[in-house]
C-alpha atoms as a PDB file:
ATOM      1  CA  MET A   1      19.915  -8.669  57.637  1.00  0.00           C
ATOM      2  CA  GLU A   2      16.497  -9.385  56.181  1.00  0.00           C
ATOM      3  CA  GLU A   3      16.104  -9.360  52.431  1.00  0.00           C
ATOM      4  CA  LEU A   4      14.417  -6.364  50.867  1.00  0.00           C
ATOM      5  CA  PRO A   5      10.817  -6.867  49.716  1.00  0.00           C
ATOM      6  CA  VAL A   6      10.316  -7.767  46.067  1.00  0.00           C
ATOM      7  CA  PRO A   7       7.779  -5.562  44.218  1.00  0.00           C
ATOM      8  CA  HIS A   8       4.727  -7.430  42.967  1.00  0.00           C
ATOM      9  CA  ASN A   9       1.367  -6.669  41.373  1.00  0.00           C
ATOM     10  CA  ILE A  10       2.893  -3.898  39.277  1.00  0.00           C
ATOM     11  CA  LYS A  11       0.415  -1.461  37.741  1.00  0.00           C
ATOM     12  CA  ILE A  12       1.036   0.986  34.906  1.00  0.00           C
ATOM     13  CA  SER A  13      -1.370   3.929  34.585  1.00  0.00           C
ATOM     14  CA  ASN A  14      -1.756   7.438  33.134  1.00  0.00           C
ATOM     15  CA  ILE A  15       0.097   6.400  29.990  1.00  0.00           C
ATOM     16  CA  THR A  16       0.906   9.159  27.477  1.00  0.00           C
ATOM     17  CA  CYS A  17       3.179   9.140  24.451  1.00  0.00           C
ATOM     18  CA  ASP A  18       6.200  10.032  26.605  1.00  0.00           C
ATOM     19  CA  SER A  19       5.345   9.251  30.242  1.00  0.00           C
ATOM     20  CA  PHE A  20       3.576   6.838  32.580  1.00  0.00           C
ATOM     21  CA  LYS A  21       2.876   6.215  36.249  1.00  0.00           C
ATOM     22  CA  ILE A  22       4.033   3.039  37.927  1.00  0.00           C
ATOM     23  CA  SER A  23       3.028   1.514  41.263  1.00  0.00           C
ATOM     24  CA  TRP A  24       3.338  -1.843  42.968  1.00  0.00           C
ATOM     25  CA  GLU A  25       2.738  -3.676  46.210  1.00  0.00           C
ATOM     26  CA  MET A  26       5.393  -5.002  48.583  1.00  0.00           C
ATOM     27  CA  ASP A  27       5.591  -6.699  51.971  1.00  0.00           C
ATOM     28  CA  SER A  28       5.956  -4.365  54.905  1.00  0.00           C
ATOM     29  CA  LYS A  29       8.961  -6.262  56.270  1.00  0.00           C
ATOM     30  CA  SER A  30      12.172  -4.225  55.857  1.00  0.00           C
ATOM     31  CA  LYS A  31      10.159  -1.657  53.931  1.00  0.00           C
ATOM     32  CA  ASP A  32      11.638   1.156  56.012  1.00  0.00           C
ATOM     33  CA  ARG A  33      15.140   0.261  54.764  1.00  0.00           C
ATOM     34  CA  ILE A  34      14.265   1.029  51.138  1.00  0.00           C
ATOM     35  CA  THR A  35      15.969   4.199  49.923  1.00  0.00           C
ATOM     36  CA  HIS A  36      15.741   3.745  46.141  1.00  0.00           C
ATOM     37  CA  TYR A  37      13.907   1.937  43.351  1.00  0.00           C
ATOM     38  CA  PHE A  38      15.625   0.457  40.311  1.00  0.00           C
ATOM     39  CA  ILE A  39      13.407   0.431  37.219  1.00  0.00           C
ATOM     40  CA  ASP A  40      14.491  -1.480  34.115  1.00  0.00           C
ATOM     41  CA  LEU A  41      12.732  -0.378  30.924  1.00  0.00           C
ATOM     42  CA  ASN A  42      13.284  -1.873  27.477  1.00  0.00           C
ATOM     43  CA  LYS A  43      11.630  -1.772  24.113  1.00  0.00           C
ATOM     44  CA  LYS A  44       9.853  -5.048  23.552  1.00  0.00           C
ATOM     45  CA  GLU A  45      11.716  -7.329  21.169  1.00  0.00           C
ATOM     46  CA  ASN A  46      10.289  -7.393  17.680  1.00  0.00           C
ATOM     47  CA  LYS A  47      10.432 -10.907  16.281  1.00  0.00           C
ATOM     48  CA  ASN A  48      10.779  -9.472  12.785  1.00  0.00           C
ATOM     49  CA  SER A  49      13.553  -7.036  13.681  1.00  0.00           C
ATOM     50  CA  ASN A  50      16.911  -7.205  11.982  1.00  0.00           C
ATOM     51  CA  LYS A  51      19.074  -9.582  14.071  1.00  0.00           C
ATOM     52  CA  PHE A  52      22.231  -7.760  13.021  1.00  0.00           C
ATOM     53  CA  LYS A  53      20.934  -4.342  14.006  1.00  0.00           C
ATOM     54  CA  HIS A  54      22.330  -2.867  17.211  1.00  0.00           C
ATOM     55  CA  LYS A  55      19.875  -3.574  20.013  1.00  0.00           C
ATOM     56  CA  ASP A  56      18.737  -0.908  22.447  1.00  0.00           C
ATOM     57  CA  VAL A  57      20.912  -0.894  25.547  1.00  0.00           C
ATOM     58  CA  PRO A  58      18.818  -1.881  28.574  1.00  0.00           C
ATOM     59  CA  THR A  59      18.230   1.250  30.641  1.00  0.00           C
ATOM     60  CA  LYS A  60      18.069   1.140  34.421  1.00  0.00           C
ATOM     61  CA  LEU A  61      16.615   4.131  36.245  1.00  0.00           C
ATOM     62  CA  VAL A  62      17.768   4.696  39.822  1.00  0.00           C
ATOM     63  CA  ALA A  63      15.083   6.710  41.564  1.00  0.00           C
ATOM     64  CA  LYS A  64      14.756   7.829  45.154  1.00  0.00           C
ATOM     65  CA  ALA A  65      12.024   6.009  47.024  1.00  0.00           C
ATOM     66  CA  VAL A  66       9.017   8.304  46.655  1.00  0.00           C
ATOM     67  CA  PRO A  67       5.357   7.652  47.448  1.00  0.00           C
ATOM     68  CA  LEU A  68       3.697   5.487  44.807  1.00  0.00           C
ATOM     69  CA  PRO A  69       2.481   5.800  42.109  1.00  0.00           C
ATOM     70  CA  MET A  70       5.658   7.292  40.704  1.00  0.00           C
ATOM     71  CA  THR A  71       5.638   9.318  37.492  1.00  0.00           C
ATOM     72  CA  VAL A  72       8.277   8.348  34.939  1.00  0.00           C
ATOM     73  CA  ARG A  73       8.811  11.191  32.483  1.00  0.00           C
ATOM     74  CA  GLY A  74      11.900  12.425  30.710  1.00  0.00           C
ATOM     75  CA  HIS A  75      14.139   9.710  32.132  1.00  0.00           C
ATOM     76  CA  TRP A  76      14.110   8.041  28.743  1.00  0.00           C
ATOM     77  CA  PHE A  77      13.286   9.231  25.264  1.00  0.00           C
ATOM     78  CA  LEU A  78      10.088   7.228  25.206  1.00  0.00           C
ATOM     79  CA  SER A  79       8.604   6.778  21.755  1.00  0.00           C
ATOM     80  CA  PRO A  80       4.850   6.983  21.172  1.00  0.00           C
ATOM     81  CA  ARG A  81       2.812   3.918  20.240  1.00  0.00           C
ATOM     82  CA  THR A  82       5.667   1.600  21.231  1.00  0.00           C
ATOM     83  CA  GLU A  83       5.624  -1.596  23.320  1.00  0.00           C
ATOM     84  CA  TYR A  84       7.899  -1.684  26.358  1.00  0.00           C
ATOM     85  CA  THR A  85       8.735  -4.115  29.145  1.00  0.00           C
ATOM     86  CA  VAL A  86       9.390  -2.951  32.687  1.00  0.00           C
ATOM     87  CA  ALA A  87      10.636  -4.598  35.877  1.00  0.00           C
ATOM     88  CA  VAL A  88      11.375  -3.166  39.327  1.00  0.00           C
ATOM     89  CA  GLN A  89      13.562  -3.929  42.318  1.00  0.00           C
ATOM     90  CA  THR A  90      13.871  -2.184  45.676  1.00  0.00           C
ATOM     91  CA  ALA A  91      17.255  -1.000  46.922  1.00  0.00           C
ATOM     92  CA  SER A  92      18.934   0.263  50.064  1.00  0.00           C
ATOM     93  CA  LYS A  93      21.920   2.566  49.735  1.00  0.00           C
ATOM     94  CA  GLN A  94      24.761   1.712  52.086  1.00  0.00           C
ATOM     95  CA  VAL A  95      27.226   4.008  53.803  1.00  0.00           C
ATOM     96  CA  ASP A  96      29.942   3.060  51.302  1.00  0.00           C
ATOM     97  CA  GLY A  97      27.694   4.082  48.365  1.00  0.00           C
ATOM     98  CA  ASP A  98      26.894   0.566  47.238  1.00  0.00           C
ATOM     99  CA  TYR A  99      23.337  -0.741  47.044  1.00  0.00           C
ATOM    100  CA  VAL A 100      21.724  -3.792  48.564  1.00  0.00           C
ATOM    101  CA  VAL A 101      18.934  -4.818  46.194  1.00  0.00           C
ATOM    102  CA  SER A 102      15.930  -7.118  46.159  1.00  0.00           C
ATOM    103  CA  GLU A 103      15.232  -9.653  43.452  1.00  0.00           C
ATOM    104  CA  TRP A 104      13.648  -8.288  40.291  1.00  0.00           C
ATOM    105  CA  SER A 105       9.892  -8.220  40.072  1.00  0.00           C
ATOM    106  CA  GLU A 106       7.953  -9.931  37.317  1.00  0.00           C
ATOM    107  CA  ILE A 107       8.202  -8.267  33.900  1.00  0.00           C
ATOM    108  CA  ILE A 108       5.209  -6.194  32.835  1.00  0.00           C
ATOM    109  CA  GLU A 109       4.397  -5.126  29.262  1.00  0.00           C
ATOM    110  CA  PHE A 110       2.676  -1.919  28.214  1.00  0.00           C
ATOM    111  CA  CYS A 111       2.359   0.311  25.164  1.00  0.00           C
ATOM    112  CA  THR A 112       2.811   4.077  25.082  1.00  0.00           C
ATOM    113  CA  ALA A 113       0.016   6.247  23.711  1.00  0.00           C
ATOM    114  CA  ASP A 114      -0.395   8.267  20.520  1.00  0.00           C
ATOM    115  CA  TYR A 115       0.352  11.956  20.267  1.00  0.00           C
ATOM    116  CA  SER A 116      -2.208  14.037  22.132  1.00  0.00           C
ATOM    117  CA  LYS A 117      -3.807  17.200  20.764  1.00  0.00           C
ATOM    118  CA  VAL A 118      -1.071  19.160  22.589  1.00  0.00           C
ATOM    119  CA  HIS A 119       1.674  17.339  20.681  1.00  0.00           C
ATOM    120  CA  LEU A 120      -0.207  17.616  17.381  1.00  0.00           C
ATOM    121  CA  THR A 121      -0.601  21.349  17.948  1.00  0.00           C
ATOM    122  CA  GLN A 122       3.185  21.576  18.288  1.00  0.00           C
ATOM    123  CA  LEU A 123       3.512  19.772  14.941  1.00  0.00           C
ATOM    124  CA  LEU A 124       0.867  22.067  13.454  1.00  0.00           C
ATOM    125  CA  GLU A 125       2.784  25.159  14.528  1.00  0.00           C
ATOM    126  CA  LYS A 126       5.986  23.817  12.970  1.00  0.00           C
ATOM    127  CA  ALA A 127       4.139  23.079   9.719  1.00  0.00           C
ATOM    128  CA  GLU A 128       2.705  26.593   9.615  1.00  0.00           C
ATOM    129  CA  VAL A 129       6.222  28.037   9.527  1.00  0.00           C
ATOM    130  CA  ILE A 130       7.029  26.479   6.140  1.00  0.00           C
ATOM    131  CA  ALA A 131       3.580  26.304   4.504  1.00  0.00           C
ATOM    132  CA  GLY A 132       4.279  29.261   2.201  1.00  0.00           C
ATOM    133  CA  ARG A 133       1.823  31.379   0.279  1.00  0.00           C
ATOM    134  CA  MET A 134      -1.581  30.175  -0.808  1.00  0.00           C
ATOM    135  CA  LEU A 135      -2.484  29.192  -4.373  1.00  0.00           C
ATOM    136  CA  LYS A 136      -5.998  28.993  -5.804  1.00  0.00           C
ATOM    137  CA  PHE A 137      -7.378  25.579  -6.832  1.00  0.00           C
ATOM    138  CA  SER A 138     -10.745  24.197  -7.873  1.00  0.00           C
ATOM    139  CA  VAL A 139     -10.623  20.371  -7.778  1.00  0.00           C
ATOM    140  CA  PHE A 140      -9.573  17.532  -5.519  1.00  0.00           C
ATOM    141  CA  TYR A 141      -8.179  14.498  -7.320  1.00  0.00           C
ATOM    142  CA  ARG A 142      -7.255  10.889  -6.612  1.00  0.00           C
ATOM    143  CA  ASN A 143      -4.972   8.765  -8.764  1.00  0.00           C
ATOM    144  CA  GLN A 144      -5.298   4.987  -8.914  1.00  0.00           C
ATOM    145  CA  HIS A 145      -4.872   2.109 -11.336  1.00  0.00           C
ATOM    146  CA  LYS A 146      -7.629   1.335 -13.828  1.00  0.00           C
ATOM    147  CA  GLU A 147      -8.399  -1.874 -11.916  1.00  0.00           C
ATOM    148  CA  TYR A 148      -9.261   0.145  -8.799  1.00  0.00           C
ATOM    149  CA  PHE A 149     -11.951   2.167 -10.560  1.00  0.00           C
ATOM    150  CA  ASP A 150     -13.268  -0.940 -12.321  1.00  0.00           C
ATOM    151  CA  TYR A 151     -13.629  -2.641  -8.939  1.00  0.00           C
ATOM    152  CA  VAL A 152     -15.424   0.395  -7.478  1.00  0.00           C
ATOM    153  CA  ARG A 153     -17.943   0.333 -10.329  1.00  0.00           C
ATOM    154  CA  GLU A 154     -18.533  -3.429 -10.280  1.00  0.00           C
ATOM    155  CA  HIS A 155     -18.417  -4.249  -6.573  1.00  0.00           C
ATOM    156  CA  ASN A 156     -18.930  -1.048  -4.562  1.00  0.00           C
ATOM    157  CA  GLY A 157     -21.979   0.377  -6.295  1.00  0.00           C
ATOM    158  CA  ASN A 158     -19.897   3.079  -7.975  1.00  0.00           C
ATOM    159  CA  ALA A 159     -18.770   4.549  -4.623  1.00  0.00           C
ATOM    160  CA  MET A 160     -15.188   4.764  -3.406  1.00  0.00           C
ATOM    161  CA  GLN A 161     -15.176   3.456   0.159  1.00  0.00           C
ATOM    162  CA  PRO A 162     -13.038   4.720   3.054  1.00  0.00           C
ATOM    163  CA  SER A 163     -10.189   2.436   4.117  1.00  0.00           C
ATOM    164  CA  VAL A 164      -7.954   2.450   7.187  1.00  0.00           C
ATOM    165  CA  LYS A 165      -5.021   4.841   6.879  1.00  0.00           C
ATOM    166  CA  ASP A 166      -1.615   3.145   6.634  1.00  0.00           C
ATOM    167  CA  ASN A 167       1.315   3.783   8.978  1.00  0.00           C
ATOM    168  CA  SER A 168       3.019   6.499   6.938  1.00  0.00           C
ATOM    169  CA  GLY A 169       4.044   9.703   8.678  1.00  0.00           C
ATOM    170  CA  SER A 170       4.740  10.348  12.360  1.00  0.00           C
ATOM    171  CA  HIS A 171       4.967   7.220  14.475  1.00  0.00           C
ATOM    172  CA  GLY A 172       2.744   8.777  17.133  1.00  0.00           C
ATOM    173  CA  SER A 173       0.003   9.954  14.804  1.00  0.00           C
ATOM    174  CA  PRO A 174      -3.419   8.994  16.233  1.00  0.00           C
ATOM    175  CA  ILE A 175      -4.888   8.532  12.745  1.00  0.00           C
ATOM    176  CA  SER A 176      -2.434   5.857  11.528  1.00  0.00           C
ATOM    177  CA  GLY A 177      -4.045   2.433  11.450  1.00  0.00           C
ATOM    178  CA  LYS A 178      -7.258   3.861  12.930  1.00  0.00           C
ATOM    179  CA  LEU A 179      -8.925   6.581  10.846  1.00  0.00           C
ATOM    180  CA  GLU A 180     -10.907   5.436   7.820  1.00  0.00           C
ATOM    181  CA  GLY A 181     -10.922   7.713   4.802  1.00  0.00           C
ATOM    182  CA  ILE A 182     -10.142   8.285   1.141  1.00  0.00           C
ATOM    183  CA  PHE A 183      -6.932  10.064   0.136  1.00  0.00           C
ATOM    184  CA  PHE A 184      -7.130  13.047  -2.181  1.00  0.00           C
ATOM    185  CA  SER A 185      -4.631  15.589  -3.470  1.00  0.00           C
ATOM    186  CA  CYS A 186      -5.194  19.218  -4.386  1.00  0.00           C
ATOM    187  CA  SER A 187      -1.728  20.452  -5.349  1.00  0.00           C
ATOM    188  CA  THR A 188      -1.509  22.498  -8.528  1.00  0.00           C
ATOM    189  CA  GLU A 189       1.315  23.380 -10.890  1.00  0.00           C
ATOM    190  CA  PHE A 190       2.489  26.913 -10.293  1.00  0.00           C
ATOM    191  CA  ASN A 191       2.478  27.896 -13.965  1.00  0.00           C
ATOM    192  CA  THR A 192      -0.886  26.365 -14.973  1.00  0.00           C
ATOM    193  CA  GLY A 193      -2.935  26.400 -11.762  1.00  0.00           C
ATOM    194  CA  LYS A 194      -4.040  22.846 -12.616  1.00  0.00           C
ATOM    195  CA  PRO A 195      -3.191  19.437 -11.102  1.00  0.00           C
ATOM    196  CA  PRO A 196       0.172  18.014 -12.255  1.00  0.00           C
ATOM    197  CA  GLN A 197       0.066  15.383 -14.997  1.00  0.00           C
ATOM    198  CA  ASP A 198       2.454  13.056 -13.135  1.00  0.00           C
ATOM    199  CA  SER A 199       1.461  10.828 -10.214  1.00  0.00           C
ATOM    200  CA  PRO A 200       2.984   8.093  -8.013  1.00  0.00           C
ATOM    201  CA  TYR A 201      -0.329   6.291  -7.549  1.00  0.00           C
ATOM    202  CA  GLY A 202      -1.604   5.232 -10.945  1.00  0.00           C
ATOM    203  CA  ARG A 203      -2.390   6.475 -14.442  1.00  0.00           C
ATOM    204  CA  TYR A 204      -6.113   7.053 -13.885  1.00  0.00           C
ATOM    205  CA  ARG A 205      -7.388  10.112 -12.048  1.00  0.00           C
ATOM    206  CA  PHE A 206     -10.724  10.894 -10.425  1.00  0.00           C
ATOM    207  CA  GLU A 207     -11.373  14.647 -10.299  1.00  0.00           C
ATOM    208  CA  ILE A 208     -14.120  16.232  -8.251  1.00  0.00           C
ATOM    209  CA  ALA A 209     -15.112  19.879  -7.764  1.00  0.00           C
ATOM    210  CA  ALA A 210     -13.665  21.147  -4.484  1.00  0.00           C
ATOM    211  CA  GLU A 211     -17.046  22.238  -3.126  1.00  0.00           C
ATOM    212  CA  LYS A 212     -18.367  18.663  -3.308  1.00  0.00           C
ATOM    213  CA  LEU A 213     -15.917  17.606  -0.558  1.00  0.00           C
ATOM    214  CA  PHE A 214     -15.000  20.821   1.289  1.00  0.00           C
ATOM    215  CA  ASN A 215     -17.782  23.234   2.198  1.00  0.00           C
ATOM    216  CA  PRO A 216     -19.574  24.813   5.179  1.00  0.00           C
ATOM    217  CA  ASN A 217     -21.076  21.388   6.010  1.00  0.00           C
ATOM    218  CA  THR A 218     -17.631  19.844   6.659  1.00  0.00           C
ATOM    219  CA  ASN A 219     -15.008  20.261   9.377  1.00  0.00           C
ATOM    220  CA  LEU A 220     -11.258  20.470   8.733  1.00  0.00           C
ATOM    221  CA  TYR A 221      -8.610  18.917  10.990  1.00  0.00           C
ATOM    222  CA  PHE A 222      -4.812  18.833  11.122  1.00  0.00           C
ATOM    223  CA  GLY A 223      -3.550  15.232  11.066  1.00  0.00           C
ATOM    224  CA  ASP A 224       0.236  15.132  10.650  1.00  0.00           C
ATOM    225  CA  PHE A 225       3.433  16.795   9.407  1.00  0.00           C
ATOM    226  CA  TYR A 226       6.364  14.737   8.142  1.00  0.00           C
ATOM    227  CA  CYS A 227       9.090  14.171   5.569  1.00  0.00           C
ATOM    228  CA  MET A 228      10.778  11.062   4.175  1.00  0.00           C
ATOM    229  CA  TYR A 229      14.459  12.045   4.218  1.00  0.00           C
ATOM    230  CA  THR A 230      13.666  14.642   1.550  1.00  0.00           C
ATOM    231  CA  ALA A 231      13.716  18.432   1.292  1.00  0.00           C
ATOM    232  CA  TYR A 232       9.951  18.669   0.806  1.00  0.00           C
ATOM    233  CA  HIS A 233       7.401  18.068   3.534  1.00  0.00           C
ATOM    234  CA  TYR A 234       3.916  16.585   3.726  1.00  0.00           C
ATOM    235  CA  VAL A 235       0.921  17.816   5.709  1.00  0.00           C
ATOM    236  CA  ILE A 236      -2.039  15.481   6.266  1.00  0.00           C
ATOM    237  CA  LEU A 237      -5.422  17.166   6.640  1.00  0.00           C
ATOM    238  CA  VAL A 238      -8.767  15.511   7.324  1.00  0.00           C
ATOM    239  CA  ILE A 239     -12.102  16.705   5.917  1.00  0.00           C
ATOM    240  CA  ALA A 240     -15.121  15.209   7.673  1.00  0.00           C
ATOM    241  CA  PRO A 241     -18.821  15.906   7.097  1.00  0.00           C
ATOM    242  CA  VAL A 242     -20.236  17.559  10.226  1.00  0.00           C
ATOM    243  CA  GLY A 243     -21.585  14.966  12.680  1.00  0.00           C
ATOM    244  CA  SER A 244     -20.235  11.950  10.742  1.00  0.00           C
ATOM    245  CA  PRO A 245     -18.343   9.115  12.487  1.00  0.00           C
ATOM    246  CA  GLY A 246     -15.117  10.517  10.998  1.00  0.00           C
ATOM    247  CA  ASP A 247     -15.932  13.931  12.438  1.00  0.00           C
ATOM    248  CA  GLU A 248     -16.516  12.468  15.902  1.00  0.00           C
ATOM    249  CA  PHE A 249     -13.242  10.509  15.696  1.00  0.00           C
ATOM    250  CA  CYS A 250     -11.255  13.617  14.739  1.00  0.00           C
ATOM    251  CA  LYS A 251     -12.961  15.926  17.223  1.00  0.00           C
ATOM    252  CA  GLN A 252     -11.600  13.838  20.084  1.00  0.00           C
ATOM    253  CA  ARG A 253      -8.062  13.465  18.748  1.00  0.00           C
ATOM    254  CA  LEU A 254      -7.033  16.184  16.272  1.00  0.00           C
ATOM    255  CA  PRO A 255      -6.685  19.975  16.330  1.00  0.00           C
ATOM    256  CA  GLN A 256      -9.544  21.531  14.351  1.00  0.00           C
ATOM    257  CA  LEU A 257      -8.697  24.218  11.801  1.00  0.00           C
ATOM    258  CA  ASN A 258     -10.759  27.219  10.804  1.00  0.00           C
ATOM    259  CA  SER A 259     -11.812  26.321   7.253  1.00  0.00           C
ATOM    260  CA  LYS A 260     -11.826  29.983   6.239  1.00  0.00           C
ATOM    261  CA  ASP A 261      -8.536  30.966   7.836  1.00  0.00           C
ATOM    262  CA  ASN A 262      -5.551  28.647   8.178  1.00  0.00           C
ATOM    263  CA  LYS A 263      -2.125  28.179   6.561  1.00  0.00           C
ATOM    264  CA  PHE A 264      -2.908  25.009   4.582  1.00  0.00           C
ATOM    265  CA  LEU A 265      -6.347  24.730   2.986  1.00  0.00           C
ATOM    266  CA  THR A 266      -9.117  27.326   2.930  1.00  0.00           C
ATOM    267  CA  CYS A 267     -12.688  27.648   1.726  1.00  0.00           C
ATOM    268  CA  THR A 268     -13.965  31.233   1.567  1.00  0.00           C
ATOM    269  CA  GLU A 269     -16.911  32.933  -0.091  1.00  0.00           C
ATOM    270  CA  GLU A 270     -16.463  35.692  -2.660  1.00  0.00           C
ATOM    271  CA  ASP A 271     -19.505  37.222  -4.374  1.00  0.00           C
ATOM    272  CA  GLY A 272     -21.625  34.231  -3.388  1.00  0.00           C
ATOM    273  CA  VAL A 273     -19.125  31.690  -4.800  1.00  0.00           C
ATOM    274  CA  LEU A 274     -16.886  29.325  -2.785  1.00  0.00           C
ATOM    275  CA  VAL A 275     -13.174  29.942  -3.469  1.00  0.00           C
ATOM    276  CA  TYR A 276     -10.387  27.519  -2.540  1.00  0.00           C
ATOM    277  CA  HIS A 277      -6.674  27.930  -1.761  1.00  0.00           C
ATOM    278  CA  HIS A 278      -3.911  25.480  -0.795  1.00  0.00           C
ATOM    279  CA  ALA A 279      -0.425  26.005   0.653  1.00  0.00           C
ATOM    280  CA  GLN A 280       2.308  26.138  -1.964  1.00  0.00           C
ATOM    281  CA  ASP A 281       5.360  24.930  -0.053  1.00  0.00           C
ATOM    282  CA  VAL A 282       4.062  21.680   1.480  1.00  0.00           C
ATOM    283  CA  ILE A 283       2.495  18.659  -0.210  1.00  0.00           C
ATOM    284  CA  LEU A 284      -1.033  18.258   1.116  1.00  0.00           C
ATOM    285  CA  GLU A 285      -2.534  14.808   1.609  1.00  0.00           C
ATOM    286  CA  VAL A 286      -6.245  15.241   2.234  1.00  0.00           C
ATOM    287  CA  ILE A 287      -8.301  12.458   3.802  1.00  0.00           C
ATOM    288  CA  TYR A 288     -12.076  12.559   3.239  1.00  0.00           C
ATOM    289  CA  THR A 289     -13.870  10.355   5.758  1.00  0.00           C
ATOM    290  CA  ASP A 290     -17.089   9.423   3.881  1.00  0.00           C
ATOM    291  CA  PRO A 291     -17.728   7.360   0.703  1.00  0.00           C
ATOM    292  CA  VAL A 292     -17.515   9.292  -2.577  1.00  0.00           C
ATOM    293  CA  ASP A 293     -19.600   8.307  -5.605  1.00  0.00           C
ATOM    294  CA  LEU A 294     -17.748   8.356  -8.921  1.00  0.00           C
ATOM    295  CA  SER A 295     -20.764  10.066 -10.516  1.00  0.00           C
ATOM    296  CA  LEU A 296     -19.843  13.233  -8.581  1.00  0.00           C
ATOM    297  CA  GLY A 297     -16.712  13.671 -10.710  1.00  0.00           C
ATOM    298  CA  THR A 298     -14.837  12.333 -13.717  1.00  0.00           C
ATOM    299  CA  VAL A 299     -12.264   9.576 -14.298  1.00  0.00           C
ATOM    300  CA  ALA A 300      -9.655  10.001 -17.032  1.00  0.00           C
ATOM    301  CA  GLU A 301      -6.156   8.790 -17.889  1.00  0.00           C
ATOM    302  CA  ILE A 302      -3.311  11.196 -17.152  1.00  0.00           C
ATOM    303  CA  THR A 303      -0.786  12.088 -19.848  1.00  0.00           C
ATOM    304  CA  GLY A 304       2.250  12.239 -17.549  1.00  0.00           C
ATOM    305  CA  HIS A 305       4.445   9.647 -15.854  1.00  0.00           C
ATOM    306  CA  GLN A 306       3.820   7.367 -12.915  1.00  0.00           C
ATOM    307  CA  LEU A 307       6.486   8.480 -10.428  1.00  0.00           C
ATOM    308  CA  MET A 308       6.586   5.591  -7.974  1.00  0.00           C
ATOM    309  CA  SER A 309       9.482   7.155  -6.040  1.00  0.00           C
ATOM    310  CA  LEU A 310       7.115   9.834  -4.732  1.00  0.00           C
ATOM    311  CA  SER A 311       4.695   7.369  -3.156  1.00  0.00           C
ATOM    312  CA  THR A 312       4.137   7.816   0.581  1.00  0.00           C
ATOM    313  CA  ALA A 313       2.523   4.404   1.181  1.00  0.00           C
ATOM    314  CA  ASN A 314       3.712   3.262   4.647  1.00  0.00           C
ATOM    315  CA  ALA A 315       6.570   5.775   4.365  1.00  0.00           C
ATOM    316  CA  LYS A 316       8.675   6.205   7.506  1.00  0.00           C
ATOM    317  CA  LYS A 317       9.233   9.672   8.882  1.00  0.00           C
ATOM    318  CA  ASP A 318      12.789  11.003   9.119  1.00  0.00           C
ATOM    319  CA  PRO A 319      13.337  11.115  12.922  1.00  0.00           C
ATOM    320  CA  SER A 320      16.348  13.448  12.593  1.00  0.00           C
ATOM    321  CA  CYS A 321      14.629  16.280  10.684  1.00  0.00           C
ATOM    322  CA  LYS A 322      14.544  19.412  12.831  1.00  0.00           C
ATOM    323  CA  THR A 323      11.791  20.941  10.706  1.00  0.00           C
ATOM    324  CA  CYS A 324       9.058  18.353  11.316  1.00  0.00           C
ATOM    325  CA  ASN A 325       9.904  16.654  14.628  1.00  0.00           C
ATOM    326  CA  ILE A 326       8.893  17.706  18.105  1.00  0.00           C
ATOM    327  CA  SER A 327      10.829  17.022  21.282  1.00  0.00           C
ATOM    328  CA  VAL A 328       8.776  14.011  22.409  1.00  0.00           C
ATOM    329  CA  GLY A 329       8.876  10.589  20.804  1.00  0.00           C
ATOM    330  CA  ARG A 330       9.842   9.843  17.232  1.00  0.00           C
END
């Protein structure tokens, strides 16, 4: 009996955060005997991974021989933005139920995609459920160390410059490691209506009137929803001046919110004055995508504590939380 053809020239296409298409070439000899394909998919080894941590069990998919390309979806819990290796062999099922198989193909590497707008909209809808009532606010603020503001004055011409967002939040977020912006907060204390005096990010605070950053000349986008093994949740929003590079980046990747009517952050007009509200029951992290000159606001030392435990820098999302996870990826 002739050996079964070995797949070669494997091609991966139509990659999403939780699916892909796979095709390959094979010699025509004995091709008609093929009844199944075996596909072996594994997460690519991370050289820095913990050697004592339990490794993922290699997963072999047995699929009926269908016309190529074949869509692989739902056979594994594929994670977004994750590197995988894949290899294929052809198989022929025998009368006794056993399989005759070819040799394995070469191993191909590929990386799954970020969350699409569809997935982010699912996250958005989950975040809306717990956002809570809206509280009035009037300033955005950014806490940093004194050295940060000194550097901005001396080396950046007095303007805070956008920097690439870290990898905190959802693993599949399309803004992590890609979007450039400046982080601001807008949360207020319930009893005073003013920003809290404590901060995880430094004892010096830049405050700027809300209308300087968020107004009819800006667009608002939903970026992420996550928690860090805690009871409280974070929502990342992006404010981008209309037509700016940040706006173009977000328009392609993120759900846009109605600035006047959404569950997280609103800008409305009352008697000719812009009025601002933020959601009470989530912690908002607002990314502004353009430089901000310090002369547009004030810098002062806070009187409270520096609560480092509340920092979200490169924080990993809790993959088991039912409140802020969707069914695809992690």
